[in-house]
């Protein structure tokens, strides 16, 4: 059985315990976590570990980014970190992204924005200013640009639980709308109700436009609705739902004509 694959991106050493708990959380939901340290990623022979991680993102359904106090190791030959590159790849793949940032880092970022002209700023927890570039990329993205602060792992899990439940509900509502759109809509003729009233005298009390559209004649309609009709020469003996009445053939001809006139298909 296929299930959603969730890629978890973050620095490793400072967030090792967070990654382990998120992995358990994802597994408990019945989803497949994808974390590099658990051999969830296929490392293509002859290529780098970093490139293998980027390739794996394309086969995932959701991307979870956790920004802690470290910017992390740099991608080989690049000015951006591995985590930063993974985030950019997730954006390029257009998969849903859920981004979280340590509240202390966010405070440093706010301080940084107020002192952008200074080159000698000292921050409470941030060591590499490039982490602010990652935060800016998240906030300035054209989609999935929500950035949720956290002070504990419980904050992350609670947010993901609510968001993924809403995602599932949104999917179900979409399925219902799609199913509803596929159902053929029967156009009701403006004279349908008047015709329906006329048929009550022969015992037909339940009638739909679909019944009318499917009937070839008034006799066919009566029989399709579970009634019976017998030819007595000058009239018909009509029995519907335990009611029996004699109806002149001229009346039947009129009803036949009206039935044909109110068909919508």
Protein backbone atom coordinates (compact mmCIF):
# COMPACT_ATOMS: atom_id res chain seq x y z
CA UNK A 1 0.00 0.00 0.00
CA UNK A 2 1.44 3.37 -0.98
CA UNK A 3 1.62 6.13 1.62
CA UNK A 4 2.88 9.74 1.70
CA UNK A 5 6.66 10.12 1.85
CA UNK A 6 7.79 12.93 4.15
CA UNK A 7 11.26 14.41 3.64
CA UNK A 8 12.70 15.96 6.81
CA UNK A 9 15.39 18.58 6.20
CA UNK A 10 17.54 20.18 8.90
CA UNK A 11 21.04 20.30 10.26
CA UNK A 12 21.90 17.06 12.00
CA UNK A 13 24.06 17.33 15.11
CA UNK A 14 22.17 20.12 16.88
CA UNK A 15 18.72 18.73 15.95
CA UNK A 16 19.41 14.99 16.16
CA UNK A 17 16.83 14.36 18.90
CA UNK A 18 14.23 16.49 17.11
CA UNK A 19 14.68 14.49 13.91
CA UNK A 20 14.28 11.19 15.77
CA UNK A 21 11.02 12.30 17.41
CA UNK A 22 9.61 13.63 14.14
CA UNK A 23 10.49 10.34 12.46
CA UNK A 24 8.49 8.43 15.10
CA UNK A 25 5.61 10.88 14.74
CA UNK A 26 5.48 10.37 10.96
CA UNK A 27 5.62 6.58 11.32
CA UNK A 28 2.81 6.63 13.90
CA UNK A 29 0.62 8.38 11.31
CA UNK A 30 1.27 5.57 8.86
CA UNK A 31 3.43 7.74 6.61
CA UNK A 32 6.97 7.08 5.39
CA UNK A 33 9.66 9.34 6.87
CA UNK A 34 12.69 10.13 4.73
CA UNK A 35 15.79 11.04 6.75
CA UNK A 36 19.33 10.59 5.50
CA UNK A 37 20.75 9.14 8.75
CA UNK A 38 18.27 6.24 8.67
CA UNK A 39 19.25 5.06 5.15
CA UNK A 40 15.93 6.28 3.78
CA UNK A 41 17.76 7.80 0.82
CA UNK A 42 19.21 5.92 -2.14
CA UNK A 43 22.85 6.88 -2.53
CA UNK A 44 23.62 6.50 -6.20
CA UNK A 45 27.04 4.93 -6.77
CA UNK A 46 29.49 7.36 -8.26
CA UNK A 47 27.62 10.45 -7.03
CA UNK A 48 27.79 12.57 -3.89
CA UNK A 49 25.64 12.12 -0.79
CA UNK A 50 24.40 15.68 -1.19
CA UNK A 51 23.19 15.13 -4.76
CA UNK A 52 21.47 11.91 -3.70
CA UNK A 53 19.52 13.84 -1.07
CA UNK A 54 18.40 16.40 -3.65
CA UNK A 55 17.24 13.66 -6.03
CA UNK A 56 15.25 11.94 -3.29
CA UNK A 57 13.11 15.05 -2.75
CA UNK A 58 11.45 14.59 -6.15
CA UNK A 59 9.97 11.25 -4.99
CA UNK A 60 8.53 12.73 -1.78
CA UNK A 61 5.06 14.16 -1.21
CA UNK A 62 5.73 16.58 1.66
CA UNK A 63 8.81 18.52 2.76
CA UNK A 64 9.37 19.47 6.41
CA UNK A 65 12.11 22.06 7.04
CA UNK A 66 13.45 22.74 10.53
CA UNK A 67 15.74 25.73 10.99
CA UNK A 68 17.69 25.51 14.23
CA UNK A 69 20.57 27.59 15.53
CA UNK A 70 23.11 26.30 12.97
CA UNK A 71 23.15 27.09 9.25
CA UNK A 72 24.93 23.80 8.61
CA UNK A 73 27.57 22.40 6.30
CA UNK A 74 27.89 23.96 2.87
CA UNK A 75 26.87 22.19 -0.30
CA UNK A 76 30.03 21.20 -2.22
CA UNK A 77 31.14 24.04 -4.49
CA UNK A 78 28.27 26.29 -3.38
CA UNK A 79 27.79 29.30 -1.12
CA UNK A 80 24.60 27.79 0.36
CA UNK A 81 24.22 25.08 2.98
CA UNK A 82 22.95 21.57 2.24
CA UNK A 83 19.70 22.33 4.09
CA UNK A 84 19.26 25.56 2.13
CA UNK A 85 19.78 23.68 -1.14
CA UNK A 86 17.25 21.02 -0.11
CA UNK A 87 14.68 23.73 0.56
CA UNK A 88 15.25 25.29 -2.88
CA UNK A 89 14.87 21.86 -4.51
CA UNK A 90 11.56 21.29 -2.69
CA UNK A 91 10.32 24.64 -4.01
CA UNK A 92 11.42 23.67 -7.52
CA UNK A 93 9.54 20.36 -7.21
CA UNK A 94 6.38 22.21 -6.05
CA UNK A 95 5.66 19.83 -3.18
CA UNK A 96 3.97 21.14 0.01
CA UNK A 97 6.51 22.68 2.39
CA UNK A 98 6.14 23.12 6.15
CA UNK A 99 8.88 25.36 7.59
CA UNK A 100 9.78 25.81 11.25
CA UNK A 101 12.35 28.12 12.84
CA UNK A 102 13.74 28.21 16.37
CA UNK A 103 12.20 31.22 18.16
CA UNK A 104 15.63 32.40 19.38
CA UNK A 105 16.88 32.39 15.78
CA UNK A 106 13.82 34.37 14.73
CA UNK A 107 14.60 36.98 17.40
CA UNK A 108 18.15 37.24 16.05
CA UNK A 109 16.73 37.64 12.56
CA UNK A 110 14.50 40.52 13.65
CA UNK A 111 17.54 42.16 15.27
CA UNK A 112 19.52 41.57 12.07
CA UNK A 113 16.88 43.31 9.93
CA UNK A 114 17.11 46.40 12.12
CA UNK A 115 20.90 46.48 11.82
CA UNK A 116 21.56 45.43 8.23
CA UNK A 117 24.13 48.21 7.73
CA UNK A 118 26.28 46.96 10.61
CA UNK A 119 28.99 44.35 10.00
CA UNK A 120 29.90 43.86 13.66
CA UNK A 121 26.59 42.66 15.08
CA UNK A 122 26.68 40.07 17.82
CA UNK A 123 23.76 37.66 17.95
CA UNK A 124 22.39 35.66 20.87
CA UNK A 125 22.43 32.24 19.20
CA UNK A 126 23.22 32.61 15.47
CA UNK A 127 26.83 32.07 14.41
CA UNK A 128 26.49 32.11 10.61
CA UNK A 129 24.58 35.10 9.20
CA UNK A 130 23.76 33.13 6.04
CA UNK A 131 20.96 31.49 8.00
CA UNK A 132 19.10 34.79 7.62
CA UNK A 133 19.23 34.33 3.85
CA UNK A 134 17.40 31.00 4.24
CA UNK A 135 14.73 32.65 6.39
CA UNK A 136 14.30 35.41 3.81
CA UNK A 137 13.98 32.87 0.99
CA UNK A 138 11.18 31.14 2.90
CA UNK A 139 9.26 34.33 3.66
CA UNK A 140 9.65 35.76 0.15
CA UNK A 141 8.63 32.55 -1.67
CA UNK A 142 5.60 32.77 -3.96
CA UNK A 143 4.06 29.69 -2.29
CA UNK A 144 4.35 27.78 0.98
CA UNK A 145 5.98 30.79 2.64
CA UNK A 146 4.59 30.26 6.15
CA UNK A 147 7.33 30.19 8.78
CA UNK A 148 6.29 28.76 12.14
CA UNK A 149 8.38 29.50 15.23
CA UNK A 150 8.96 26.81 17.84
CA UNK A 151 10.43 26.57 21.30
CA UNK A 152 9.97 22.80 21.68
CA UNK A 153 9.40 19.73 19.56
CA UNK A 154 5.79 19.68 20.80
CA UNK A 155 5.15 22.94 18.91
CA UNK A 156 6.26 21.32 15.65
CA UNK A 157 4.24 18.14 16.15
CA UNK A 158 1.08 20.01 17.12
CA UNK A 159 1.28 22.22 14.04
CA UNK A 160 1.92 19.30 11.68
CA UNK A 161 -0.92 17.31 13.20
CA UNK A 162 -3.41 20.13 12.59
CA UNK A 163 -2.09 21.00 9.14
CA UNK A 164 -2.07 17.42 7.85
CA UNK A 165 -5.56 16.79 9.21
CA UNK A 166 -6.72 19.89 7.32
CA UNK A 167 -4.87 18.68 4.22
CA UNK A 168 -6.74 15.37 4.39
CA UNK A 169 -10.07 17.15 4.86
CA UNK A 170 -9.30 19.37 1.87
CA UNK A 171 -8.59 16.26 -0.20
CA UNK A 172 -11.89 14.64 0.83
CA UNK A 173 -13.84 17.78 0.00
CA UNK A 174 -12.15 17.88 -3.39
CA UNK A 175 -13.12 14.26 -4.01
CA UNK A 176 -16.74 14.99 -3.09
CA UNK A 177 -16.86 17.99 -5.43
CA UNK A 178 -15.35 15.92 -8.23
CA UNK A 179 -17.86 13.13 -7.69
CA UNK A 180 -20.73 15.62 -7.61
CA UNK A 181 -19.52 17.22 -10.83
CA UNK A 182 -19.44 13.83 -12.56
CA UNK A 183 -23.06 13.07 -11.72
CA UNK A 184 -25.29 13.91 -14.67
CA UNK A 185 -27.67 16.74 -13.86
CA UNK A 186 -31.24 16.26 -15.06
CA UNK A 187 -32.79 19.43 -16.39
CA UNK A 188 -36.38 19.77 -15.17
CA UNK A 189 -38.95 20.99 -17.69
CA UNK A 190 -40.94 24.05 -16.68
CA UNK A 191 -44.22 22.12 -17.12
CA UNK A 192 -43.08 19.06 -15.19
CA UNK A 193 -44.90 19.90 -11.96
CA UNK A 194 -48.17 20.50 -13.83
CA UNK A 195 -47.81 17.12 -15.58
CA UNK A 196 -47.01 15.45 -12.26
CA UNK A 197 -50.22 16.83 -10.75
CA UNK A 198 -52.30 15.39 -13.62
CA UNK A 199 -50.93 11.89 -13.03
CA UNK A 200 -52.07 11.83 -9.42
CA UNK A 201 -55.61 10.95 -10.55
CA UNK A 202 -54.33 7.58 -11.79
CA UNK A 203 -52.47 6.94 -8.54
CA UNK A 204 -48.97 8.13 -9.53
CA UNK A 205 -47.77 10.27 -6.63
CA UNK A 206 -44.00 9.86 -6.97
CA UNK A 207 -42.49 11.04 -10.25
CA UNK A 208 -39.15 12.50 -11.35
CA UNK A 209 -37.97 14.16 -14.52
CA UNK A 210 -35.67 11.17 -15.00
CA UNK A 211 -38.75 8.85 -15.02
CA UNK A 212 -40.29 10.98 -17.75
CA UNK A 213 -37.10 11.05 -19.81
CA UNK A 214 -36.78 7.27 -19.71
CA UNK A 215 -40.40 6.49 -20.68
CA UNK A 216 -41.45 5.94 -24.31
CA UNK A 217 -45.14 6.51 -23.60
CA UNK A 218 -47.58 6.98 -20.74
CA UNK A 219 -48.21 3.22 -20.74
CA UNK A 220 -44.46 2.58 -20.55
CA UNK A 221 -44.20 5.12 -17.71
CA UNK A 222 -46.95 3.44 -15.68
CA UNK A 223 -45.32 0.03 -16.09
CA UNK A 224 -41.84 1.37 -15.21
CA UNK A 225 -43.32 2.76 -11.99
CA UNK A 226 -44.66 -0.66 -11.03
CA UNK A 227 -48.24 -0.25 -12.25
CA UNK A 228 -50.25 -2.22 -14.80
CA UNK A 229 -52.55 -1.22 -17.64
CA UNK A 230 -55.17 -3.29 -19.50
CA UNK A 231 -56.82 -2.41 -22.81
CA UNK A 232 -60.63 -2.61 -22.45
CA UNK A 233 -61.47 -1.38 -25.93
CA UNK A 234 -62.66 2.18 -25.43
CA UNK A 235 -60.60 2.76 -22.29
CA UNK A 236 -57.75 1.41 -20.18
CA UNK A 237 -57.89 -0.13 -16.74
CA UNK A 238 -54.98 1.42 -14.84
CA UNK A 239 -53.73 -0.03 -11.53
CA UNK A 240 -51.04 1.80 -9.55
CA UNK A 241 -50.13 1.30 -5.88
CA UNK A 242 -53.37 -0.58 -5.18
CA UNK A 243 -55.55 2.05 -6.88
CA UNK A 244 -57.55 1.10 -9.96
CA UNK A 245 -59.23 3.51 -12.38
CA UNK A 246 -60.60 3.40 -15.90
CA UNK A 247 -59.04 6.01 -18.20
CA UNK A 248 -60.39 6.87 -21.65
CA UNK A 249 -58.06 6.32 -24.57
CA UNK A 250 -58.40 9.95 -25.64
CA UNK A 251 -57.07 10.99 -22.21
CA UNK A 252 -54.14 8.59 -22.58
CA UNK A 253 -53.33 10.12 -25.96
CA UNK A 254 -53.30 13.59 -24.43
CA UNK A 255 -51.01 12.41 -21.61
CA UNK A 256 -48.76 10.75 -24.18
CA UNK A 257 -48.43 14.03 -26.04
CA UNK A 258 -47.68 15.97 -22.86
CA UNK A 259 -45.12 13.39 -21.74
CA UNK A 260 -43.23 13.79 -25.01
CA UNK A 261 -43.36 17.57 -24.75
CA UNK A 262 -41.75 17.75 -21.30
CA UNK A 263 -38.83 15.39 -21.98
CA UNK A 264 -35.54 17.18 -21.51
CA UNK A 265 -33.32 14.59 -23.19
